[in-house]
Amino acid sequence: MPQRSSISRKPIGTLEELLKAMAEGKVPPNFQIEGKNPAAVALGRKGGLKGGRARAASLTAEQRLNIARKAAAARWSAKASKSEPKG
């Protein structure tokens, strides 16, 4: 059986856990503190705010109509399958 490393590979959750692991010498070289990178969140939001409007502006009326019909059909089929009695 292969020998397992004593270094934990899971993300380190709190500063207290990080300091404790550092004191024990068990911190992996690429440790992570849980949470999202604020710069990445801002960048994703910036693109997300533009995406829907840019897509809608590039679609023709017929394409928008087809998308709306497909969405309505999906909604109604989901409701129909939920309301059917199981038996």
N, C-alpha and C. Protein backbone atom coordinates (compact mmCIF):
# COMPACT_ATOMS: atom_id res chain seq x y z
N MET A 1 0.85 -1.17 0.00
CA MET A 1 0.00 0.00 0.00
C MET A 1 0.90 1.24 0.00
N PRO A 2 0.59 2.25 -0.84
CA PRO A 2 1.42 3.44 -0.89
C PRO A 2 1.29 4.26 0.40
N GLN A 3 2.40 4.87 0.78
CA GLN A 3 2.39 5.67 1.99
C GLN A 3 1.73 7.03 1.71
N ARG A 4 0.90 7.46 2.59
CA ARG A 4 0.18 8.72 2.40
C ARG A 4 0.97 9.88 2.99
N SER A 5 0.80 11.03 2.35
CA SER A 5 1.47 12.23 2.83
C SER A 5 0.78 12.73 4.10
N SER A 6 1.54 13.32 5.00
CA SER A 6 0.95 13.86 6.22
C SER A 6 0.40 15.26 6.01
N ILE A 7 0.65 15.83 4.81
CA ILE A 7 0.17 17.18 4.52
C ILE A 7 -1.26 17.11 4.01
N SER A 8 -2.13 17.89 4.64
CA SER A 8 -3.53 17.93 4.24
C SER A 8 -3.67 18.66 2.91
N ARG A 9 -4.51 18.16 2.03
CA ARG A 9 -4.72 18.78 0.72
C ARG A 9 -6.00 19.63 0.68
N LYS A 10 -6.78 19.63 1.76
CA LYS A 10 -8.01 20.40 1.76
C LYS A 10 -7.69 21.88 2.01
N PRO A 11 -8.57 22.79 1.56
CA PRO A 11 -8.35 24.21 1.81
C PRO A 11 -8.37 24.51 3.30
N ILE A 12 -7.57 25.44 3.73
CA ILE A 12 -7.52 25.83 5.13
C ILE A 12 -8.59 26.89 5.34
N GLY A 13 -9.45 26.68 6.34
CA GLY A 13 -10.63 27.50 6.49
C GLY A 13 -10.44 28.81 7.21
N THR A 14 -9.64 28.84 8.27
CA THR A 14 -9.54 30.06 9.05
C THR A 14 -8.09 30.42 9.28
N LEU A 15 -7.88 31.65 9.68
CA LEU A 15 -6.53 32.11 9.98
C LEU A 15 -5.95 31.32 11.14
N GLU A 16 -6.79 30.98 12.10
CA GLU A 16 -6.34 30.20 13.24
C GLU A 16 -5.82 28.82 12.79
N GLU A 17 -6.56 28.18 11.89
CA GLU A 17 -6.12 26.89 11.37
C GLU A 17 -4.82 27.02 10.59
N LEU A 18 -4.70 28.11 9.83
CA LEU A 18 -3.49 28.34 9.05
C LEU A 18 -2.29 28.51 9.97
N LEU A 19 -2.43 29.33 11.01
CA LEU A 19 -1.31 29.55 11.94
C LEU A 19 -0.94 28.26 12.67
N LYS A 20 -1.93 27.49 13.04
CA LYS A 20 -1.67 26.21 13.72
C LYS A 20 -0.91 25.25 12.79
N ALA A 21 -1.34 25.19 11.53
CA ALA A 21 -0.69 24.32 10.56
C ALA A 21 0.75 24.78 10.28
N MET A 22 0.94 26.13 10.23
CA MET A 22 2.28 26.65 10.00
C MET A 22 3.20 26.30 11.16
N ALA A 23 2.67 26.37 12.38
CA ALA A 23 3.46 26.05 13.56
C ALA A 23 3.87 24.58 13.56
N GLU A 24 3.01 23.74 13.04
CA GLU A 24 3.30 22.30 12.99
C GLU A 24 4.11 21.92 11.76
N GLY A 25 4.30 22.87 10.84
CA GLY A 25 5.06 22.59 9.62
C GLY A 25 4.30 21.77 8.60
N LYS A 26 2.98 21.84 8.63
CA LYS A 26 2.15 21.02 7.75
C LYS A 26 1.43 21.82 6.67
N VAL A 27 1.87 23.03 6.39
CA VAL A 27 1.19 23.86 5.40
C VAL A 27 1.70 23.49 4.01
N PRO A 28 0.80 23.08 3.11
CA PRO A 28 1.23 22.79 1.75
C PRO A 28 1.70 24.07 1.06
N PRO A 29 2.53 23.96 0.05
CA PRO A 29 3.07 25.16 -0.58
C PRO A 29 2.03 26.01 -1.28
N ASN A 30 0.90 25.44 -1.67
CA ASN A 30 -0.13 26.22 -2.36
C ASN A 30 -1.43 26.20 -1.57
N PHE A 31 -1.39 26.61 -0.31
CA PHE A 31 -2.59 26.59 0.53
C PHE A 31 -3.56 27.67 0.08
N GLN A 32 -4.83 27.45 0.45
CA GLN A 32 -5.89 28.40 0.13
C GLN A 32 -6.64 28.75 1.40
N ILE A 33 -7.06 29.99 1.50
CA ILE A 33 -8.01 30.37 2.54
C ILE A 33 -9.36 30.45 1.86
N GLU A 34 -10.39 29.85 2.47
CA GLU A 34 -11.70 29.77 1.84
C GLU A 34 -12.26 31.15 1.55
N GLY A 35 -13.06 31.23 0.51
CA GLY A 35 -13.69 32.48 0.13
C GLY A 35 -13.40 32.80 -1.32
N LYS A 36 -14.04 33.84 -1.81
CA LYS A 36 -13.87 34.21 -3.20
C LYS A 36 -12.92 35.39 -3.31
N ASN A 37 -12.18 35.41 -4.40
CA ASN A 37 -11.29 36.51 -4.68
C ASN A 37 -12.13 37.71 -5.12
N PRO A 38 -12.09 38.84 -4.40
CA PRO A 38 -12.94 39.98 -4.75
C PRO A 38 -12.68 40.51 -6.17
N ALA A 39 -11.45 40.45 -6.63
CA ALA A 39 -11.15 40.93 -7.98
C ALA A 39 -11.82 40.03 -9.02
N ALA A 40 -11.82 38.73 -8.79
CA ALA A 40 -12.46 37.81 -9.72
C ALA A 40 -13.97 37.98 -9.72
N VAL A 41 -14.53 38.24 -8.54
CA VAL A 41 -15.98 38.46 -8.44
C VAL A 41 -16.37 39.71 -9.22
N ALA A 42 -15.59 40.78 -9.06
CA ALA A 42 -15.90 42.03 -9.76
C ALA A 42 -15.80 41.85 -11.27
N LEU A 43 -14.79 41.12 -11.72
CA LEU A 43 -14.62 40.89 -13.15
C LEU A 43 -15.77 40.06 -13.71
N GLY A 44 -16.18 39.03 -13.00
CA GLY A 44 -17.29 38.20 -13.45
C GLY A 44 -18.60 38.96 -13.50
N ARG A 45 -18.80 39.81 -12.50
CA ARG A 45 -20.02 40.61 -12.47
C ARG A 45 -20.04 41.61 -13.63
N LYS A 46 -18.89 42.19 -13.91
CA LYS A 46 -18.80 43.16 -15.00
C LYS A 46 -19.24 42.53 -16.33
N GLY A 47 -18.73 41.34 -16.60
CA GLY A 47 -19.11 40.64 -17.83
C GLY A 47 -20.54 40.16 -17.79
N GLY A 48 -21.01 39.73 -16.62
CA GLY A 48 -22.38 39.23 -16.48
C GLY A 48 -23.41 40.31 -16.71
N LEU A 49 -23.10 41.53 -16.30
CA LEU A 49 -24.04 42.63 -16.49
C LEU A 49 -24.19 42.99 -17.96
N LYS A 50 -23.16 42.76 -18.74
CA LYS A 50 -23.20 43.09 -20.16
C LYS A 50 -23.80 41.97 -21.00
N GLY A 51 -23.64 40.73 -20.56
CA GLY A 51 -23.94 39.57 -21.38
C GLY A 51 -25.34 39.48 -21.92
N GLY A 52 -26.35 39.61 -21.08
CA GLY A 52 -27.73 39.45 -21.52
C GLY A 52 -28.16 40.51 -22.52
N ARG A 53 -27.80 41.75 -22.25
CA ARG A 53 -28.17 42.84 -23.16
C ARG A 53 -27.45 42.71 -24.49
N ALA A 54 -26.18 42.34 -24.44
CA ALA A 54 -25.42 42.19 -25.69
C ALA A 54 -25.99 41.06 -26.53
N ARG A 55 -26.39 39.97 -25.89
CA ARG A 55 -26.97 38.85 -26.62
C ARG A 55 -28.31 39.23 -27.22
N ALA A 56 -29.14 39.90 -26.44
CA ALA A 56 -30.46 40.31 -26.93
C ALA A 56 -30.33 41.28 -28.10
N ALA A 57 -29.36 42.16 -28.07
CA ALA A 57 -29.17 43.13 -29.15
C ALA A 57 -28.72 42.45 -30.44
N SER A 58 -28.04 41.32 -30.31
CA SER A 58 -27.53 40.64 -31.50
C SER A 58 -28.53 39.67 -32.12
N LEU A 59 -29.63 39.35 -31.40
CA LEU A 59 -30.62 38.39 -31.91
C LEU A 59 -31.67 39.09 -32.77
N THR A 60 -32.18 38.35 -33.72
CA THR A 60 -33.30 38.86 -34.51
C THR A 60 -34.59 38.59 -33.75
N ALA A 61 -35.67 39.20 -34.18
CA ALA A 61 -36.97 39.00 -33.54
C ALA A 61 -37.39 37.53 -33.62
N GLU A 62 -37.12 36.90 -34.75
CA GLU A 62 -37.47 35.49 -34.92
C GLU A 62 -36.68 34.59 -33.97
N GLN A 63 -35.40 34.89 -33.79
CA GLN A 63 -34.57 34.10 -32.88
C GLN A 63 -35.06 34.25 -31.44
N ARG A 64 -35.40 35.49 -31.05
CA ARG A 64 -35.93 35.72 -29.70
C ARG A 64 -37.24 34.96 -29.49
N LEU A 65 -38.09 34.95 -30.50
CA LEU A 65 -39.36 34.24 -30.43
C LEU A 65 -39.13 32.73 -30.25
N ASN A 66 -38.21 32.17 -31.00
CA ASN A 66 -37.91 30.74 -30.88
C ASN A 66 -37.37 30.39 -29.50
N ILE A 67 -36.51 31.25 -28.97
CA ILE A 67 -35.96 31.02 -27.63
C ILE A 67 -37.07 31.08 -26.59
N ALA A 68 -37.97 32.06 -26.72
CA ALA A 68 -39.08 32.20 -25.77
C ALA A 68 -40.01 31.00 -25.84
N ARG A 69 -40.30 30.52 -27.04
CA ARG A 69 -41.17 29.34 -27.18
C ARG A 69 -40.54 28.11 -26.54
N LYS A 70 -39.25 27.94 -26.76
CA LYS A 70 -38.55 26.79 -26.19
C LYS A 70 -38.55 26.87 -24.65
N ALA A 71 -38.34 28.07 -24.11
CA ALA A 71 -38.35 28.24 -22.66
C ALA A 71 -39.73 27.96 -22.08
N ALA A 72 -40.78 28.46 -22.74
CA ALA A 72 -42.15 28.22 -22.27
C ALA A 72 -42.48 26.74 -22.30
N ALA A 73 -42.07 26.06 -23.36
CA ALA A 73 -42.33 24.62 -23.46
C ALA A 73 -41.62 23.87 -22.34
N ALA A 74 -40.40 24.28 -22.02
CA ALA A 74 -39.66 23.62 -20.95
C ALA A 74 -40.33 23.85 -19.60
N ARG A 75 -40.81 25.07 -19.37
CA ARG A 75 -41.50 25.37 -18.10
C ARG A 75 -42.78 24.56 -17.97
N TRP A 76 -43.56 24.50 -19.02
CA TRP A 76 -44.82 23.77 -18.96
C TRP A 76 -44.60 22.27 -18.85
N SER A 77 -43.59 21.74 -19.51
CA SER A 77 -43.35 20.30 -19.41
C SER A 77 -42.88 19.94 -18.00
N ALA A 78 -42.14 20.82 -17.35
CA ALA A 78 -41.71 20.57 -15.98
C ALA A 78 -42.89 20.58 -15.03
N LYS A 79 -43.81 21.51 -15.23
CA LYS A 79 -45.00 21.58 -14.37
C LYS A 79 -45.90 20.38 -14.60
N ALA A 80 -46.03 19.95 -15.84
CA ALA A 80 -46.89 18.82 -16.15
C ALA A 80 -46.34 17.55 -15.52
N SER A 81 -45.03 17.37 -15.54
CA SER A 81 -44.47 16.14 -14.98
C SER A 81 -44.56 16.13 -13.45
N LYS A 82 -44.57 17.31 -12.83
CA LYS A 82 -44.69 17.37 -11.37
C LYS A 82 -46.11 17.10 -10.92
N SER A 83 -47.09 17.54 -11.70
CA SER A 83 -48.49 17.42 -11.28
C SER A 83 -49.11 16.06 -11.61
N GLU A 84 -48.45 15.27 -12.43
CA GLU A 84 -49.00 13.96 -12.78
C GLU A 84 -48.96 13.03 -11.58
N PRO A 85 -50.04 12.31 -11.33
CA PRO A 85 -50.03 11.37 -10.22
C PRO A 85 -49.09 10.20 -10.49
N LYS A 86 -48.39 9.82 -9.46
CA LYS A 86 -47.47 8.67 -9.60
C LYS A 86 -48.25 7.39 -9.30
N GLY A 87 -48.01 6.40 -10.10
CA GLY A 87 -48.78 5.19 -9.85
C GLY A 87 -48.30 4.00 -10.48
